[in-house]
N, C-alpha and C. Protein backbone atom coordinates (compact mmCIF):
# COMPACT_ATOMS: atom_id res chain seq x y z
N MET A 1 0.82 -1.20 0.00
CA MET A 1 0.00 0.00 0.00
C MET A 1 0.85 1.25 0.00
N LEU A 2 0.26 2.32 -0.52
CA LEU A 2 0.94 3.60 -0.52
C LEU A 2 1.25 4.07 0.89
N LEU A 3 0.29 3.94 1.78
CA LEU A 3 0.46 4.38 3.15
C LEU A 3 0.57 3.17 4.05
N LEU A 4 1.54 3.18 4.93
CA LEU A 4 1.68 2.08 5.86
C LEU A 4 0.65 2.26 6.96
N LEU A 5 -0.05 1.20 7.28
CA LEU A 5 -1.11 1.28 8.27
C LEU A 5 -0.52 1.29 9.67
N ALA A 6 -1.37 1.65 10.63
CA ALA A 6 -0.92 1.67 12.02
C ALA A 6 -0.48 0.27 12.43
N THR A 7 0.54 0.20 13.21
CA THR A 7 1.07 -1.08 13.66
C THR A 7 1.04 -1.15 15.17
N THR A 8 1.00 -2.33 15.73
CA THR A 8 0.96 -2.48 17.17
C THR A 8 2.36 -2.43 17.79
N VAL A 9 3.38 -2.35 16.95
CA VAL A 9 4.74 -2.28 17.48
C VAL A 9 5.03 -0.86 17.93
N PRO A 10 5.41 -0.63 19.20
CA PRO A 10 5.67 0.72 19.66
C PRO A 10 6.81 1.38 18.90
N ALA A 11 6.69 2.64 18.64
CA ALA A 11 7.76 3.41 18.00
C ALA A 11 8.28 4.43 18.97
N ARG A 12 9.58 4.62 18.94
CA ARG A 12 10.19 5.62 19.81
C ARG A 12 10.51 6.85 18.98
N ALA A 13 10.05 7.99 19.42
CA ALA A 13 10.31 9.25 18.73
C ALA A 13 10.53 10.32 19.78
N THR A 14 11.44 11.23 19.46
CA THR A 14 11.79 12.30 20.39
C THR A 14 11.59 13.64 19.70
N PRO A 15 10.85 14.57 20.32
CA PRO A 15 10.67 15.89 19.71
C PRO A 15 12.02 16.58 19.53
N LEU A 16 12.19 17.22 18.39
CA LEU A 16 13.41 17.96 18.10
C LEU A 16 13.38 19.31 18.80
N ALA A 17 14.48 19.67 19.45
CA ALA A 17 14.61 21.00 20.04
C ALA A 17 14.90 21.98 18.91
N LEU A 18 13.95 22.85 18.61
CA LEU A 18 14.08 23.73 17.46
C LEU A 18 14.89 24.98 17.78
N SER A 19 15.84 25.29 16.90
CA SER A 19 16.58 26.53 17.02
C SER A 19 15.73 27.67 16.45
N ALA A 20 16.22 28.89 16.61
CA ALA A 20 15.49 30.04 16.05
C ALA A 20 15.37 29.90 14.54
N GLY A 21 16.45 29.42 13.89
CA GLY A 21 16.42 29.22 12.45
C GLY A 21 15.43 28.13 12.05
N ASP A 22 15.35 27.07 12.86
CA ASP A 22 14.39 26.01 12.60
C ASP A 22 12.96 26.54 12.67
N LYS A 23 12.68 27.35 13.69
CA LYS A 23 11.33 27.87 13.86
C LYS A 23 10.94 28.77 12.69
N THR A 24 11.89 29.55 12.19
CA THR A 24 11.61 30.39 11.03
C THR A 24 11.30 29.53 9.81
N LEU A 25 12.07 28.48 9.61
CA LEU A 25 11.85 27.56 8.49
C LEU A 25 10.50 26.87 8.61
N VAL A 26 10.17 26.39 9.80
CA VAL A 26 8.90 25.70 10.01
C VAL A 26 7.74 26.64 9.71
N ALA A 27 7.83 27.89 10.14
CA ALA A 27 6.78 28.86 9.87
C ALA A 27 6.61 29.08 8.36
N GLN A 28 7.72 29.12 7.63
CA GLN A 28 7.66 29.29 6.18
C GLN A 28 6.97 28.09 5.52
N ILE A 29 7.30 26.89 5.98
CA ILE A 29 6.69 25.67 5.42
C ILE A 29 5.20 25.63 5.74
N GLU A 30 4.83 25.98 6.96
CA GLU A 30 3.41 26.01 7.32
C GLU A 30 2.64 26.99 6.45
N THR A 31 3.21 28.17 6.24
CA THR A 31 2.55 29.17 5.40
C THR A 31 2.37 28.64 3.98
N TYR A 32 3.41 28.00 3.46
CA TYR A 32 3.34 27.43 2.11
C TYR A 32 2.26 26.34 2.03
N LEU A 33 2.26 25.40 2.97
CA LEU A 33 1.32 24.29 2.92
C LEU A 33 -0.12 24.78 3.07
N ASN A 34 -0.34 25.71 3.96
CA ASN A 34 -1.70 26.20 4.18
C ASN A 34 -2.22 27.02 3.00
N ALA A 35 -1.31 27.49 2.16
CA ALA A 35 -1.72 28.23 0.97
C ALA A 35 -2.06 27.30 -0.19
N GLN A 36 -1.69 26.02 -0.08
CA GLN A 36 -1.95 25.06 -1.15
C GLN A 36 -3.35 24.50 -1.00
N LYS A 37 -4.20 24.75 -1.97
CA LYS A 37 -5.58 24.26 -1.89
C LYS A 37 -5.80 23.01 -2.74
N GLY A 38 -5.09 22.89 -3.85
CA GLY A 38 -5.27 21.71 -4.69
C GLY A 38 -4.15 21.60 -5.71
N LEU A 39 -3.84 20.36 -6.12
CA LEU A 39 -2.83 20.15 -7.13
C LEU A 39 -3.04 18.80 -7.81
N THR A 40 -2.46 18.69 -9.00
CA THR A 40 -2.35 17.41 -9.67
C THR A 40 -0.87 17.13 -9.90
N ALA A 41 -0.52 15.86 -10.03
CA ALA A 41 0.87 15.49 -10.24
C ALA A 41 0.93 14.05 -10.73
N THR A 42 2.01 13.71 -11.39
CA THR A 42 2.34 12.30 -11.59
C THR A 42 3.21 11.88 -10.42
N PHE A 43 3.18 10.59 -10.09
CA PHE A 43 3.97 10.16 -8.94
C PHE A 43 4.73 8.87 -9.23
N LEU A 44 5.82 8.72 -8.51
CA LEU A 44 6.59 7.49 -8.47
C LEU A 44 6.61 7.02 -7.03
N GLN A 45 6.13 5.82 -6.80
CA GLN A 45 6.10 5.25 -5.45
C GLN A 45 7.15 4.15 -5.35
N VAL A 46 7.92 4.18 -4.27
CA VAL A 46 8.94 3.17 -4.02
C VAL A 46 8.66 2.55 -2.67
N ASP A 47 8.44 1.22 -2.63
CA ASP A 47 8.12 0.59 -1.35
C ASP A 47 9.37 0.06 -0.67
N ALA A 48 9.18 -0.59 0.46
CA ALA A 48 10.31 -1.03 1.28
C ALA A 48 11.19 -2.05 0.58
N SER A 49 10.64 -2.77 -0.39
CA SER A 49 11.42 -3.77 -1.12
C SER A 49 12.15 -3.18 -2.32
N GLY A 50 11.89 -1.89 -2.61
CA GLY A 50 12.48 -1.24 -3.77
C GLY A 50 11.62 -1.30 -5.01
N ALA A 51 10.46 -1.96 -4.93
CA ALA A 51 9.55 -2.03 -6.07
C ALA A 51 8.94 -0.66 -6.34
N THR A 52 8.75 -0.34 -7.61
CA THR A 52 8.24 0.97 -7.99
C THR A 52 6.90 0.85 -8.70
N ARG A 53 6.08 1.89 -8.53
CA ARG A 53 4.80 2.00 -9.20
C ARG A 53 4.60 3.47 -9.54
N THR A 54 3.84 3.73 -10.59
CA THR A 54 3.60 5.10 -11.02
C THR A 54 2.10 5.34 -11.18
N GLY A 55 1.74 6.60 -11.32
CA GLY A 55 0.34 6.93 -11.49
C GLY A 55 0.11 8.42 -11.45
N LYS A 56 -1.16 8.79 -11.27
CA LYS A 56 -1.55 10.20 -11.20
C LYS A 56 -2.16 10.48 -9.83
N ALA A 57 -1.84 11.64 -9.30
CA ALA A 57 -2.33 12.04 -7.98
C ALA A 57 -3.11 13.34 -8.07
N TRP A 58 -4.14 13.40 -7.23
CA TRP A 58 -4.90 14.63 -7.00
C TRP A 58 -4.90 14.89 -5.51
N LEU A 59 -4.55 16.09 -5.08
CA LEU A 59 -4.62 16.48 -3.68
C LEU A 59 -5.46 17.74 -3.56
N GLN A 60 -6.34 17.72 -2.61
CA GLN A 60 -7.15 18.91 -2.33
C GLN A 60 -7.29 19.06 -0.83
N ARG A 61 -6.76 20.13 -0.32
CA ARG A 61 -6.87 20.38 1.10
C ARG A 61 -8.13 21.20 1.36
N PRO A 62 -8.82 20.87 2.50
CA PRO A 62 -8.41 19.87 3.50
C PRO A 62 -8.98 18.47 3.20
N GLY A 63 -8.19 17.47 3.56
CA GLY A 63 -8.71 16.12 3.73
C GLY A 63 -8.96 15.26 2.53
N LYS A 64 -8.52 15.66 1.31
CA LYS A 64 -8.87 14.87 0.14
C LYS A 64 -7.63 14.55 -0.71
N MET A 65 -7.59 13.32 -1.19
CA MET A 65 -6.48 12.86 -2.00
C MET A 65 -6.94 11.67 -2.81
N ARG A 66 -6.42 11.51 -4.01
CA ARG A 66 -6.69 10.33 -4.83
C ARG A 66 -5.42 9.92 -5.54
N PHE A 67 -5.07 8.64 -5.44
CA PHE A 67 -3.94 8.07 -6.17
C PHE A 67 -4.47 6.98 -7.09
N ALA A 68 -4.32 7.19 -8.40
CA ALA A 68 -4.72 6.20 -9.40
C ALA A 68 -3.45 5.64 -10.03
N TYR A 69 -3.25 4.35 -9.88
CA TYR A 69 -2.03 3.72 -10.38
C TYR A 69 -2.15 3.41 -11.87
N ASP A 70 -1.01 3.52 -12.55
CA ASP A 70 -0.98 3.21 -13.98
C ASP A 70 -1.19 1.72 -14.20
N PRO A 71 -1.81 1.34 -15.34
CA PRO A 71 -1.95 -0.07 -15.68
C PRO A 71 -0.58 -0.74 -15.72
N PRO A 72 -0.49 -2.01 -15.32
CA PRO A 72 -1.62 -2.92 -15.08
C PRO A 72 -2.13 -2.92 -13.63
N ASP A 73 -1.66 -1.99 -12.78
CA ASP A 73 -2.12 -1.96 -11.39
C ASP A 73 -3.56 -1.46 -11.34
N PRO A 74 -4.50 -2.23 -10.80
CA PRO A 74 -5.89 -1.80 -10.74
C PRO A 74 -6.25 -1.09 -9.45
N GLN A 75 -5.30 -1.00 -8.50
CA GLN A 75 -5.63 -0.46 -7.19
C GLN A 75 -5.87 1.05 -7.25
N LEU A 76 -6.67 1.51 -6.31
CA LEU A 76 -6.90 2.93 -6.10
C LEU A 76 -6.83 3.22 -4.62
N LEU A 77 -6.39 4.44 -4.30
CA LEU A 77 -6.36 4.88 -2.92
C LEU A 77 -6.94 6.28 -2.87
N ILE A 78 -7.88 6.48 -1.95
CA ILE A 78 -8.47 7.81 -1.80
C ILE A 78 -8.53 8.20 -0.33
N ALA A 79 -8.45 9.49 -0.11
CA ALA A 79 -8.74 10.07 1.20
C ALA A 79 -9.86 11.07 0.99
N GLY A 80 -10.87 10.98 1.82
CA GLY A 80 -11.97 11.91 1.71
C GLY A 80 -13.00 11.68 2.79
N PHE A 81 -13.57 12.78 3.28
CA PHE A 81 -14.67 12.70 4.24
C PHE A 81 -14.26 11.94 5.50
N GLY A 82 -13.00 12.17 5.92
CA GLY A 82 -12.51 11.62 7.18
C GLY A 82 -11.95 10.22 7.12
N LEU A 83 -11.92 9.61 5.93
CA LEU A 83 -11.43 8.24 5.82
C LEU A 83 -10.34 8.12 4.77
N LEU A 84 -9.42 7.19 5.00
CA LEU A 84 -8.49 6.74 3.99
C LEU A 84 -8.97 5.36 3.55
N VAL A 85 -9.22 5.20 2.25
CA VAL A 85 -9.78 3.95 1.73
C VAL A 85 -8.85 3.41 0.65
N TYR A 86 -8.49 2.14 0.78
CA TYR A 86 -7.65 1.46 -0.20
C TYR A 86 -8.38 0.22 -0.67
N HIS A 87 -8.56 0.11 -1.97
CA HIS A 87 -9.28 -1.04 -2.52
C HIS A 87 -8.40 -1.77 -3.53
N ASP A 88 -8.27 -3.08 -3.34
CA ASP A 88 -7.53 -3.94 -4.25
C ASP A 88 -8.52 -4.88 -4.91
N PRO A 89 -8.94 -4.60 -6.15
CA PRO A 89 -9.94 -5.46 -6.79
C PRO A 89 -9.43 -6.86 -7.07
N GLN A 90 -8.12 -7.03 -7.22
CA GLN A 90 -7.58 -8.36 -7.47
C GLN A 90 -7.80 -9.28 -6.28
N LEU A 91 -7.70 -8.70 -5.07
CA LEU A 91 -7.91 -9.48 -3.85
C LEU A 91 -9.33 -9.31 -3.32
N ASP A 92 -10.09 -8.42 -3.94
CA ASP A 92 -11.44 -8.09 -3.47
C ASP A 92 -11.41 -7.68 -2.01
N GLN A 93 -10.45 -6.80 -1.67
CA GLN A 93 -10.29 -6.34 -0.30
C GLN A 93 -10.32 -4.81 -0.26
N THR A 94 -11.01 -4.30 0.75
CA THR A 94 -11.08 -2.86 0.97
C THR A 94 -10.68 -2.56 2.41
N THR A 95 -9.78 -1.61 2.59
CA THR A 95 -9.32 -1.21 3.91
C THR A 95 -9.74 0.23 4.17
N ASN A 96 -10.36 0.46 5.32
CA ASN A 96 -10.80 1.80 5.73
C ASN A 96 -10.10 2.19 7.02
N ILE A 97 -9.50 3.37 7.04
CA ILE A 97 -8.81 3.87 8.23
C ILE A 97 -9.21 5.32 8.45
N PRO A 98 -9.48 5.74 9.68
CA PRO A 98 -9.70 7.17 9.93
C PRO A 98 -8.49 7.97 9.47
N LEU A 99 -8.70 8.98 8.68
CA LEU A 99 -7.60 9.75 8.12
C LEU A 99 -6.73 10.35 9.22
N GLU A 100 -7.35 10.77 10.31
CA GLU A 100 -6.59 11.40 11.39
C GLU A 100 -5.65 10.41 12.08
N ALA A 101 -5.85 9.11 11.85
CA ALA A 101 -4.98 8.10 12.44
C ALA A 101 -3.76 7.80 11.58
N THR A 102 -3.70 8.38 10.37
CA THR A 102 -2.60 8.11 9.45
C THR A 102 -1.62 9.28 9.43
N PRO A 103 -0.36 9.02 9.11
CA PRO A 103 0.60 10.13 9.02
C PRO A 103 0.22 11.19 8.00
N LEU A 104 -0.36 10.78 6.85
CA LEU A 104 -0.70 11.76 5.83
C LEU A 104 -1.84 12.67 6.23
N GLY A 105 -2.58 12.29 7.28
CA GLY A 105 -3.60 13.18 7.81
C GLY A 105 -3.01 14.50 8.27
N ILE A 106 -1.73 14.51 8.62
CA ILE A 106 -1.05 15.75 9.02
C ILE A 106 -1.02 16.72 7.84
N LEU A 107 -0.65 16.21 6.67
CA LEU A 107 -0.53 17.05 5.48
C LEU A 107 -1.88 17.55 5.00
N LEU A 108 -2.92 16.73 5.19
CA LEU A 108 -4.25 17.06 4.67
C LEU A 108 -5.14 17.75 5.69
N ALA A 109 -4.59 18.11 6.84
CA ALA A 109 -5.37 18.75 7.89
C ALA A 109 -5.93 20.10 7.42
N PRO A 110 -7.08 20.53 7.99
CA PRO A 110 -7.64 21.83 7.61
C PRO A 110 -6.66 22.97 7.79
N HIS A 111 -5.88 22.91 8.85
CA HIS A 111 -4.83 23.91 9.07
C HIS A 111 -3.58 23.17 9.51
N VAL A 112 -2.54 23.23 8.69
CA VAL A 112 -1.30 22.51 8.99
C VAL A 112 -0.53 23.26 10.07
N LYS A 113 -0.31 22.58 11.17
CA LYS A 113 0.50 23.10 12.27
C LYS A 113 1.50 22.01 12.62
N LEU A 114 2.77 22.23 12.34
CA LEU A 114 3.77 21.17 12.44
C LEU A 114 4.30 20.99 13.86
N GLU A 115 4.03 21.92 14.73
CA GLU A 115 4.35 21.79 16.15
C GLU A 115 3.09 22.17 16.92
N SER A 116 2.44 21.18 17.53
CA SER A 116 1.18 21.46 18.21
C SER A 116 0.95 20.42 19.29
N ALA A 117 -0.23 20.45 19.88
CA ALA A 117 -0.57 19.48 20.91
C ALA A 117 -0.72 18.08 20.34
N SER A 118 -0.88 17.97 19.01
CA SER A 118 -1.10 16.65 18.41
C SER A 118 0.02 16.19 17.49
N VAL A 119 0.94 17.09 17.13
CA VAL A 119 2.01 16.76 16.18
C VAL A 119 3.32 17.36 16.67
N TYR A 120 4.41 16.64 16.44
CA TYR A 120 5.71 17.26 16.72
C TYR A 120 6.75 16.83 15.69
N ILE A 121 7.78 17.64 15.57
CA ILE A 121 8.86 17.42 14.61
C ILE A 121 9.96 16.59 15.27
N THR A 122 10.44 15.59 14.56
CA THR A 122 11.52 14.75 15.09
C THR A 122 12.86 15.01 14.43
N ASN A 123 12.84 15.59 13.22
CA ASN A 123 14.10 15.83 12.53
C ASN A 123 13.91 16.84 11.40
N ILE A 124 14.92 17.67 11.17
CA ILE A 124 14.99 18.55 10.01
C ILE A 124 16.34 18.30 9.34
N ASN A 125 16.30 17.89 8.09
CA ASN A 125 17.52 17.58 7.35
C ASN A 125 17.65 18.56 6.19
N ARG A 126 18.67 19.39 6.24
CA ARG A 126 18.91 20.36 5.18
C ARG A 126 20.01 19.84 4.25
N GLN A 127 19.70 19.83 2.96
CA GLN A 127 20.66 19.48 1.93
C GLN A 127 20.62 20.56 0.86
N PRO A 128 21.65 20.64 0.01
CA PRO A 128 21.61 21.65 -1.06
C PRO A 128 20.36 21.50 -1.91
N GLY A 129 19.51 22.53 -1.91
CA GLY A 129 18.31 22.52 -2.72
C GLY A 129 17.16 21.71 -2.17
N GLN A 130 17.31 21.12 -0.98
CA GLN A 130 16.25 20.26 -0.45
C GLN A 130 16.19 20.33 1.07
N ILE A 131 14.97 20.22 1.59
CA ILE A 131 14.73 20.15 3.03
C ILE A 131 13.80 18.97 3.29
N ASP A 132 14.16 18.13 4.25
CA ASP A 132 13.32 17.03 4.68
C ASP A 132 12.92 17.27 6.13
N LEU A 133 11.62 17.20 6.39
CA LEU A 133 11.11 17.48 7.72
C LEU A 133 10.26 16.30 8.18
N SER A 134 10.64 15.69 9.33
CA SER A 134 9.98 14.48 9.81
C SER A 134 9.05 14.80 10.97
N LEU A 135 7.85 14.16 10.95
CA LEU A 135 6.79 14.44 11.91
C LEU A 135 6.16 13.17 12.41
N VAL A 136 5.64 13.21 13.63
CA VAL A 136 4.81 12.12 14.16
C VAL A 136 3.64 12.74 14.92
N ARG A 137 2.60 11.93 15.12
CA ARG A 137 1.47 12.35 15.93
C ARG A 137 1.73 12.01 17.39
N ARG A 138 1.48 12.95 18.27
CA ARG A 138 1.66 12.70 19.70
C ARG A 138 0.70 11.61 20.16
N GLY A 139 1.24 10.63 20.86
CA GLY A 139 0.42 9.55 21.37
C GLY A 139 0.05 8.51 20.33
N LYS A 140 0.42 8.75 19.06
CA LYS A 140 0.13 7.79 18.00
C LYS A 140 1.39 7.48 17.20
N GLU A 141 2.50 7.41 17.93
CA GLU A 141 3.78 7.17 17.27
C GLU A 141 3.80 5.86 16.49
N ALA A 142 2.99 4.88 16.93
CA ALA A 142 2.96 3.59 16.24
C ALA A 142 2.36 3.69 14.85
N ALA A 143 1.69 4.81 14.54
CA ALA A 143 1.13 4.99 13.20
C ALA A 143 2.20 5.32 12.19
N GLY A 144 3.41 5.67 12.65
CA GLY A 144 4.51 5.92 11.73
C GLY A 144 4.97 7.36 11.72
N THR A 145 6.07 7.57 11.00
CA THR A 145 6.67 8.90 10.83
C THR A 145 6.42 9.37 9.40
N LEU A 146 6.03 10.61 9.26
CA LEU A 146 5.86 11.22 7.94
C LEU A 146 7.01 12.20 7.72
N THR A 147 7.77 12.00 6.65
CA THR A 147 8.84 12.92 6.28
C THR A 147 8.45 13.63 4.99
N LEU A 148 8.28 14.93 5.08
CA LEU A 148 7.93 15.75 3.92
C LEU A 148 9.21 16.28 3.28
N SER A 149 9.28 16.21 1.96
CA SER A 149 10.45 16.68 1.22
C SER A 149 10.08 17.89 0.37
N PHE A 150 10.90 18.93 0.47
CA PHE A 150 10.65 20.18 -0.24
C PHE A 150 11.88 20.60 -1.03
N SER A 151 11.65 21.17 -2.21
CA SER A 151 12.71 21.92 -2.87
C SER A 151 12.78 23.28 -2.18
N THR A 152 13.92 23.96 -2.33
CA THR A 152 14.09 25.22 -1.61
C THR A 152 14.03 26.45 -2.49
N ASP A 153 14.13 26.32 -3.79
CA ASP A 153 14.17 27.50 -4.65
C ASP A 153 13.41 27.22 -5.94
N PRO A 154 12.08 27.41 -5.92
CA PRO A 154 11.28 27.91 -4.79
C PRO A 154 10.90 26.80 -3.83
N LEU A 155 10.33 27.18 -2.68
CA LEU A 155 9.83 26.21 -1.73
C LEU A 155 8.63 25.49 -2.35
N GLU A 156 8.75 24.17 -2.50
CA GLU A 156 7.69 23.39 -3.13
C GLU A 156 7.73 21.95 -2.62
N LEU A 157 6.58 21.41 -2.32
CA LEU A 157 6.49 20.02 -1.89
C LEU A 157 6.88 19.11 -3.04
N GLN A 158 7.84 18.20 -2.78
CA GLN A 158 8.32 17.27 -3.79
C GLN A 158 7.89 15.83 -3.54
N GLY A 159 7.39 15.57 -2.33
CA GLY A 159 6.98 14.20 -2.01
C GLY A 159 7.07 13.94 -0.53
N TRP A 160 6.95 12.66 -0.16
CA TRP A 160 7.00 12.30 1.25
C TRP A 160 7.40 10.84 1.40
N THR A 161 7.80 10.51 2.62
CA THR A 161 8.14 9.13 2.98
C THR A 161 7.43 8.78 4.27
N VAL A 162 6.75 7.63 4.29
CA VAL A 162 6.13 7.12 5.51
C VAL A 162 6.99 5.97 6.02
N THR A 163 7.41 6.07 7.27
CA THR A 163 8.23 5.03 7.91
C THR A 163 7.43 4.41 9.04
N ASP A 164 7.30 3.08 9.01
CA ASP A 164 6.54 2.43 10.09
C ASP A 164 7.43 2.16 11.29
N ALA A 165 6.84 1.61 12.34
CA ALA A 165 7.58 1.40 13.59
C ALA A 165 8.69 0.38 13.44
N GLN A 166 8.67 -0.42 12.38
CA GLN A 166 9.72 -1.39 12.13
C GLN A 166 10.80 -0.85 11.20
N GLY A 167 10.66 0.42 10.82
CA GLY A 167 11.67 1.06 9.98
C GLY A 167 11.45 0.87 8.49
N LYS A 168 10.36 0.24 8.07
CA LYS A 168 10.08 0.05 6.65
C LYS A 168 9.51 1.33 6.06
N GLN A 169 9.99 1.67 4.88
CA GLN A 169 9.63 2.95 4.28
C GLN A 169 8.91 2.79 2.95
N THR A 170 7.94 3.67 2.73
CA THR A 170 7.30 3.83 1.43
C THR A 170 7.42 5.30 1.05
N SER A 171 8.02 5.56 -0.11
CA SER A 171 8.26 6.93 -0.54
C SER A 171 7.44 7.26 -1.78
N VAL A 172 6.99 8.50 -1.85
CA VAL A 172 6.26 9.01 -3.00
C VAL A 172 6.98 10.26 -3.50
N HIS A 173 7.32 10.26 -4.78
CA HIS A 173 7.97 11.41 -5.41
C HIS A 173 7.00 12.01 -6.42
N LEU A 174 6.79 13.31 -6.34
CA LEU A 174 5.84 14.01 -7.20
C LEU A 174 6.57 14.71 -8.34
N TYR A 175 5.96 14.63 -9.55
CA TYR A 175 6.52 15.27 -10.74
C TYR A 175 5.39 15.98 -11.48
N ASP A 176 5.78 16.89 -12.36
CA ASP A 176 4.79 17.61 -13.18
C ASP A 176 3.68 18.18 -12.31
N ILE A 177 4.07 18.80 -11.20
CA ILE A 177 3.10 19.34 -10.26
C ILE A 177 2.45 20.59 -10.85
N ALA A 178 1.13 20.64 -10.75
CA ALA A 178 0.40 21.80 -11.26
C ALA A 178 -0.74 22.12 -10.31
N PRO A 179 -0.99 23.41 -10.04
CA PRO A 179 -2.15 23.77 -9.20
C PRO A 179 -3.43 23.34 -9.88
N GLY A 180 -4.42 22.97 -9.07
CA GLY A 180 -5.69 22.54 -9.63
C GLY A 180 -6.79 22.62 -8.60
N GLY A 181 -8.01 22.30 -9.05
CA GLY A 181 -9.15 22.30 -8.17
C GLY A 181 -9.91 23.62 -8.22
N PRO A 182 -11.06 23.63 -7.54
CA PRO A 182 -11.56 22.51 -6.74
C PRO A 182 -12.04 21.36 -7.63
N PHE A 183 -11.80 20.13 -7.17
CA PHE A 183 -12.19 18.94 -7.89
C PHE A 183 -13.56 18.47 -7.40
N PRO A 184 -14.28 17.72 -8.23
CA PRO A 184 -15.60 17.23 -7.78
C PRO A 184 -15.45 16.24 -6.63
N ASP A 185 -16.41 16.28 -5.71
CA ASP A 185 -16.37 15.37 -4.56
C ASP A 185 -16.32 13.92 -5.00
N SER A 186 -16.93 13.62 -6.16
CA SER A 186 -16.97 12.23 -6.62
C SER A 186 -15.59 11.65 -6.84
N LEU A 187 -14.59 12.50 -7.04
CA LEU A 187 -13.22 12.02 -7.24
C LEU A 187 -12.67 11.38 -5.98
N PHE A 188 -13.25 11.73 -4.84
CA PHE A 188 -12.72 11.27 -3.55
C PHE A 188 -13.73 10.40 -2.80
N GLU A 189 -14.69 9.84 -3.52
CA GLU A 189 -15.71 9.01 -2.90
C GLU A 189 -15.53 7.54 -3.27
N TYR A 190 -15.90 6.67 -2.34
CA TYR A 190 -15.91 5.24 -2.58
C TYR A 190 -17.35 4.75 -2.52
N ASN A 191 -17.79 4.11 -3.58
CA ASN A 191 -19.16 3.59 -3.66
C ASN A 191 -19.19 2.21 -3.03
N GLN A 192 -19.63 2.13 -1.80
CA GLN A 192 -19.62 0.86 -1.09
C GLN A 192 -20.63 -0.13 -1.67
N ASP A 193 -21.69 0.37 -2.29
CA ASP A 193 -22.70 -0.53 -2.84
C ASP A 193 -22.16 -1.32 -4.02
N SER A 194 -21.42 -0.61 -4.89
CA SER A 194 -20.90 -1.29 -6.07
C SER A 194 -19.52 -1.85 -5.86
N GLY A 195 -18.86 -1.38 -4.75
CA GLY A 195 -17.50 -1.84 -4.51
C GLY A 195 -16.47 -1.18 -5.40
N ASN A 196 -16.85 -0.05 -6.01
CA ASN A 196 -15.95 0.62 -6.92
C ASN A 196 -15.73 2.06 -6.48
N PHE A 197 -14.57 2.62 -6.90
CA PHE A 197 -14.31 4.03 -6.71
C PHE A 197 -14.99 4.79 -7.83
N SER A 198 -15.48 5.97 -7.49
CA SER A 198 -16.00 6.83 -8.54
C SER A 198 -14.85 7.21 -9.47
N SER A 199 -15.12 7.27 -10.74
CA SER A 199 -14.08 7.60 -11.72
C SER A 199 -14.30 8.96 -12.35
N ASN A 200 -15.27 9.72 -11.81
CA ASN A 200 -15.52 11.04 -12.36
C ASN A 200 -14.36 11.96 -12.06
N GLY A 201 -14.15 12.97 -12.93
CA GLY A 201 -13.11 13.96 -12.70
C GLY A 201 -11.88 13.64 -13.46
């Protein structure tokens, strides 16, 4: 799956002591993320085994996301209306998780606050042209760590990595990013009666 589900294995995470420069950077990232209302992109997903998959992504804040994988992968993943839903038609299995219980719920929150009563930063990694910022939910460390990756000139979200409590990582890299939206609600809905995702939009 694109997102690693919550695991029962405890994870240890320590809040990062932020310097004045860190706090300035975090404020800039929060301002940028909260200004993003919607986008489309192509994506490359790399799982813990190194296997890759590609597809198209739609993100609309707050709370909505759709990942459609390129053929021959039939799977779809959507976030919308408080749920993260993953359906694998080959296995005839559907998984539903409260979005707020997943690491990506941080990115899709109505108002992104990277240091709060519910979220804290564990690491900031600065590299030439790139910044990686790692986050966990307070009290829900077992749900995993979300690391957001940004280009620096200009500041732009480039992707993310979800790390589970066992250290396994799934990374998503975004390309051909373009602003978009608002998208129709049907793009982020799962039709439980038919067992299919809406394909409108």
